[in-house]
Amino acid sequence: MEHKFTSIRKKTRGMSRRARKLPDWGAYHQELDVEGLCKHQKEYVKLWISPFYNLHQISENEVGKKNPPYKFRKQVLEQLIGIYLEWEKKLIELKKPYYLKIWVGDPQFMDSQVVAAVRSEIDYYEQLFMPNPEPKPFPYRVKHPAFDLFAWERRVNGYYVWESDLETEEEIGEAREKAVETKEYMIAGKMEKSHFISTGDLWVGSTKERWDGSGIPL
């Protein structure tokens, strides 16, 4: 049976009720699973908030997530800051290097999350996103008392497409044209190309006063 996605133009009702539930959602995620972090070397909180995390029909050929209203996005960001600060306390107690950031997608806000990592995963996450050197102000300002402690780095958000997964020359040509970066890999004796397609900005935030640039908390 063909699945019918909700139209992205359909109005989301009950926003006041959803906003009232956000503090409970944030409080639930403030408890860092330190044991799980040490075992898997990473932990994160994604925005699995219905109905925005659900897939919506954007156009005839495109499916994606719906952006919440701007006011609701700011309220979510306040909760992400609260989660970050509570995780930071636990990570400092480990007395070991760690990675802790808030990712904020723009315009793809539903890509936002809090991410923590230790050991080998630190380098992986530090190198995950390409920097975007063009100056641009961070798109949000919230009333959280710790907001001004954060510095935000502008990176490139997006996804990877393998040419071998594309079916037509037209699809391959479109991917090559849209790609902001293309890499080649030798896999099983065959050269494979991977194209990175940008979807906008990914802002990476951390508490600027507490770091010396080495990944070790002061």
Protein backbone atom coordinates (compact mmCIF):
# COMPACT_ATOMS: atom_id res chain seq x y z
CA MET A 1 0.00 0.00 0.00
CA GLU A 2 1.32 3.45 -0.92
CA HIS A 3 1.95 5.63 2.12
CA LYS A 4 0.36 9.09 2.03
CA PHE A 5 2.42 11.79 3.67
CA THR A 6 0.92 14.81 5.41
CA SER A 7 1.14 18.00 3.37
CA ILE A 8 3.73 20.44 4.69
CA ARG A 9 1.14 23.20 4.12
CA LYS A 10 -1.31 21.68 6.59
CA LYS A 11 -1.64 23.96 9.62
CA THR A 12 -0.27 22.60 12.90
CA ARG A 13 -2.79 23.13 15.65
CA GLY A 14 -2.34 23.19 19.42
CA MET A 15 0.99 25.02 19.46
CA SER A 16 0.36 26.51 22.93
CA ARG A 17 -0.23 23.00 24.31
CA ARG A 18 2.91 21.69 22.61
CA ALA A 19 4.95 24.59 24.02
CA ARG A 20 3.73 23.84 27.55
CA LYS A 21 5.03 20.28 27.20
CA LEU A 22 8.53 21.36 26.13
CA PRO A 23 9.94 21.85 29.68
CA ASP A 24 8.97 18.24 30.52
CA TRP A 25 10.64 17.06 27.31
CA GLY A 26 13.80 19.03 28.15
CA ALA A 27 13.91 17.85 31.78
CA TYR A 28 13.59 14.22 30.68
CA HIS A 29 16.67 14.51 28.45
CA GLN A 30 18.83 16.46 30.92
CA GLU A 31 19.98 13.25 32.61
CA LEU A 32 23.05 12.15 30.64
CA ASP A 33 23.48 8.38 30.30
CA VAL A 34 27.17 8.40 31.27
CA GLU A 35 27.42 4.60 31.18
CA GLY A 36 25.99 4.51 27.66
CA LEU A 37 28.25 7.36 26.58
CA CYS A 38 31.38 5.59 27.82
CA LYS A 39 30.28 2.33 26.17
CA HIS A 40 29.31 3.73 22.76
CA GLN A 41 31.56 6.84 22.91
CA LYS A 42 28.63 9.07 21.89
CA GLU A 43 25.23 10.25 23.08
CA TYR A 44 22.73 12.66 21.56
CA VAL A 45 19.25 14.13 21.84
CA LYS A 46 17.39 14.63 18.57
CA LEU A 47 14.17 16.54 18.06
CA TRP A 48 11.78 13.63 17.90
CA ILE A 49 8.90 16.04 18.43
CA SER A 50 5.64 15.24 16.66
CA PRO A 51 4.34 16.26 14.19
CA PHE A 52 7.44 18.13 12.98
CA TYR A 53 9.78 15.15 12.99
CA ASN A 54 7.29 13.19 10.87
CA LEU A 55 7.80 13.14 7.13
CA HIS A 56 5.69 15.59 5.16
CA GLN A 57 4.99 15.96 1.46
CA ILE A 58 6.92 19.09 0.45
CA SER A 59 6.39 18.85 -3.30
CA GLU A 60 5.42 16.21 -5.86
CA ASN A 61 8.91 14.69 -5.77
CA GLU A 62 10.22 15.74 -2.36
CA VAL A 63 9.57 14.52 1.17
CA GLY A 64 11.04 16.08 4.32
CA LYS A 65 10.40 17.39 7.81
CA LYS A 66 8.24 20.41 8.55
CA ASN A 67 9.80 23.41 10.28
CA PRO A 68 8.07 24.47 13.51
CA PRO A 69 6.97 28.13 13.86
CA TYR A 70 9.81 30.52 14.73
CA LYS A 71 8.60 31.12 18.30
CA PHE A 72 8.43 27.37 18.95
CA ARG A 73 11.95 26.90 17.54
CA LYS A 74 13.26 29.46 20.05
CA GLN A 75 11.50 27.60 22.86
CA VAL A 76 13.10 24.32 21.70
CA LEU A 77 16.53 25.99 21.58
CA GLU A 78 16.11 27.06 25.20
CA GLN A 79 15.54 23.42 26.14
CA LEU A 80 18.61 22.33 24.15
CA ILE A 81 20.70 24.85 26.11
CA GLY A 82 19.35 23.43 29.38
CA ILE A 83 20.22 19.89 28.28
CA TYR A 84 23.71 21.00 27.22
CA LEU A 85 24.43 22.65 30.57
CA GLU A 86 23.35 19.60 32.57
CA TRP A 87 25.40 17.27 30.36
CA GLU A 88 28.37 19.59 30.73
CA LYS A 89 28.35 19.12 34.52
CA LYS A 90 28.53 15.33 34.12
CA LEU A 91 31.22 15.47 31.46
CA ILE A 92 33.43 17.74 33.58
CA GLU A 93 33.26 15.13 36.34
CA LEU A 94 34.84 12.58 33.98
CA LYS A 95 38.04 14.69 33.96
CA LYS A 96 38.75 13.56 30.40
CA PRO A 97 38.57 15.27 26.99
CA TYR A 98 35.12 15.31 25.48
CA TYR A 99 33.02 16.79 22.68
CA LEU A 100 29.84 18.61 23.62
CA LYS A 101 27.94 20.81 21.17
CA ILE A 102 24.51 22.04 20.24
CA TRP A 103 23.77 21.68 16.55
CA VAL A 104 21.16 24.06 15.12
CA GLY A 105 20.01 23.54 11.55
CA ASP A 106 18.91 26.52 9.45
CA PRO A 107 16.57 26.31 7.66
CA GLN A 108 16.38 22.58 8.49
CA PHE A 109 15.71 23.17 12.19
CA MET A 110 14.59 19.58 12.81
CA ASP A 111 18.22 18.52 12.26
CA SER A 112 19.06 20.30 15.55
CA GLN A 113 20.35 18.24 18.49
CA VAL A 114 22.72 18.07 21.45
CA VAL A 115 25.72 15.79 20.86
CA ALA A 116 28.33 14.46 23.28
CA ALA A 117 31.30 12.23 22.46
CA VAL A 118 34.45 10.81 24.06
CA ARG A 119 37.65 9.08 22.95
CA SER A 120 37.90 8.37 19.20
CA GLU A 121 34.48 9.84 18.44
CA ILE A 122 35.73 13.32 19.41
CA ASP A 123 37.81 13.65 16.24
CA TYR A 124 35.00 12.22 14.12
CA TYR A 125 32.52 14.87 15.24
CA GLU A 126 35.04 17.71 15.14
CA GLN A 127 35.63 17.00 11.44
CA LEU A 128 32.06 16.07 10.49
CA PHE A 129 30.90 19.38 9.00
CA MET A 130 32.60 21.64 6.50
CA PRO A 131 33.10 25.22 7.77
CA ASN A 132 31.25 28.04 6.06
CA PRO A 133 33.61 31.05 6.13
CA GLU A 134 31.05 33.62 4.94
CA PRO A 135 30.02 35.88 7.85
CA LYS A 136 26.40 35.62 8.95
CA PRO A 137 24.74 36.26 12.33
CA PHE A 138 23.33 33.34 14.30
CA PRO A 139 19.59 33.29 13.40
CA TYR A 140 18.21 33.03 16.94
CA ARG A 141 18.36 34.94 20.19
CA VAL A 142 16.60 33.47 23.22
CA LYS A 143 15.98 34.56 26.80
CA HIS A 144 17.86 31.71 28.45
CA PRO A 145 20.29 33.25 31.01
CA ALA A 146 23.19 31.20 29.61
CA PHE A 147 22.62 32.14 25.97
CA ASP A 148 25.45 34.71 25.88
CA LEU A 149 27.92 32.07 27.11
CA PHE A 150 27.68 30.34 23.74
CA ALA A 151 29.75 30.85 20.61
CA TRP A 152 28.28 29.64 17.31
CA GLU A 153 30.32 28.38 14.36
CA ARG A 154 28.68 28.35 10.95
CA ARG A 155 29.05 25.02 9.14
CA VAL A 156 27.48 23.43 6.04
CA ASN A 157 24.51 21.13 6.58
CA GLY A 158 23.50 18.49 4.05
CA TYR A 159 23.59 14.87 2.98
CA TYR A 160 25.71 12.48 0.89
CA VAL A 161 24.65 10.82 -2.36
CA TRP A 162 26.53 7.90 -3.92
CA GLU A 163 26.53 7.89 -7.73
CA SER A 164 26.11 4.12 -7.67
CA ASP A 165 22.72 4.59 -5.96
CA LEU A 166 21.42 6.81 -8.77
CA GLU A 167 19.55 5.23 -11.65
CA THR A 168 19.79 7.68 -14.56
CA GLU A 169 22.35 9.96 -16.15
CA GLU A 170 19.98 12.84 -15.43
CA GLU A 171 20.06 12.07 -11.68
CA ILE A 172 23.85 11.78 -11.75
CA GLY A 173 24.19 15.10 -13.60
CA GLU A 174 21.86 16.81 -11.12
CA ALA A 175 23.84 15.48 -8.14
CA ARG A 176 27.12 16.64 -9.66
CA GLU A 177 25.67 20.10 -10.31
CA LYS A 178 24.28 20.49 -6.76
CA ALA A 179 27.31 19.07 -4.96
CA VAL A 180 29.43 21.40 -2.84
CA GLU A 181 32.00 18.63 -2.43
CA THR A 182 32.74 15.39 -4.30
CA LYS A 183 35.00 12.61 -3.03
CA GLU A 184 36.25 9.46 -4.70
CA TYR A 185 36.75 6.13 -2.93
CA MET A 186 38.20 2.83 -4.12
CA ILE A 187 35.70 0.17 -3.03
CA ALA A 188 36.15 -3.50 -3.99
CA GLY A 189 38.48 -2.48 -6.80
CA LYS A 190 36.01 0.04 -8.24
CA MET A 191 36.10 3.83 -8.03
CA GLU A 192 32.99 5.23 -6.31
CA LYS A 193 31.98 8.90 -6.15
CA SER A 194 30.16 10.52 -3.23
CA HIS A 195 28.53 13.94 -3.58
CA PHE A 196 27.71 16.21 -0.63
CA ILE A 197 24.50 18.19 -1.24
CA SER A 198 23.99 21.25 0.97
CA THR A 199 20.64 21.90 2.66
CA GLY A 200 21.71 25.14 4.36
CA ASP A 201 23.59 25.99 7.56
CA LEU A 202 24.45 23.89 10.57
CA TRP A 203 25.37 26.10 13.53
CA VAL A 204 27.64 24.42 16.09
CA GLY A 205 27.45 25.99 19.55
CA SER A 206 29.43 25.55 22.76
CA THR A 207 30.17 27.57 25.91
CA LYS A 208 33.00 29.83 24.78
CA GLU A 209 34.38 30.92 28.18
CA ARG A 210 35.00 27.36 29.38
CA TRP A 211 37.31 26.12 26.63
CA ASP A 212 40.96 26.56 25.75
CA GLY A 213 40.59 25.27 22.19
CA SER A 214 41.97 21.79 22.89
CA GLY A 215 38.71 20.08 23.77
CA ILE A 216 39.64 19.91 27.46
CA PRO A 217 37.43 21.89 29.86
CA LEU A 218 39.16 24.60 31.88
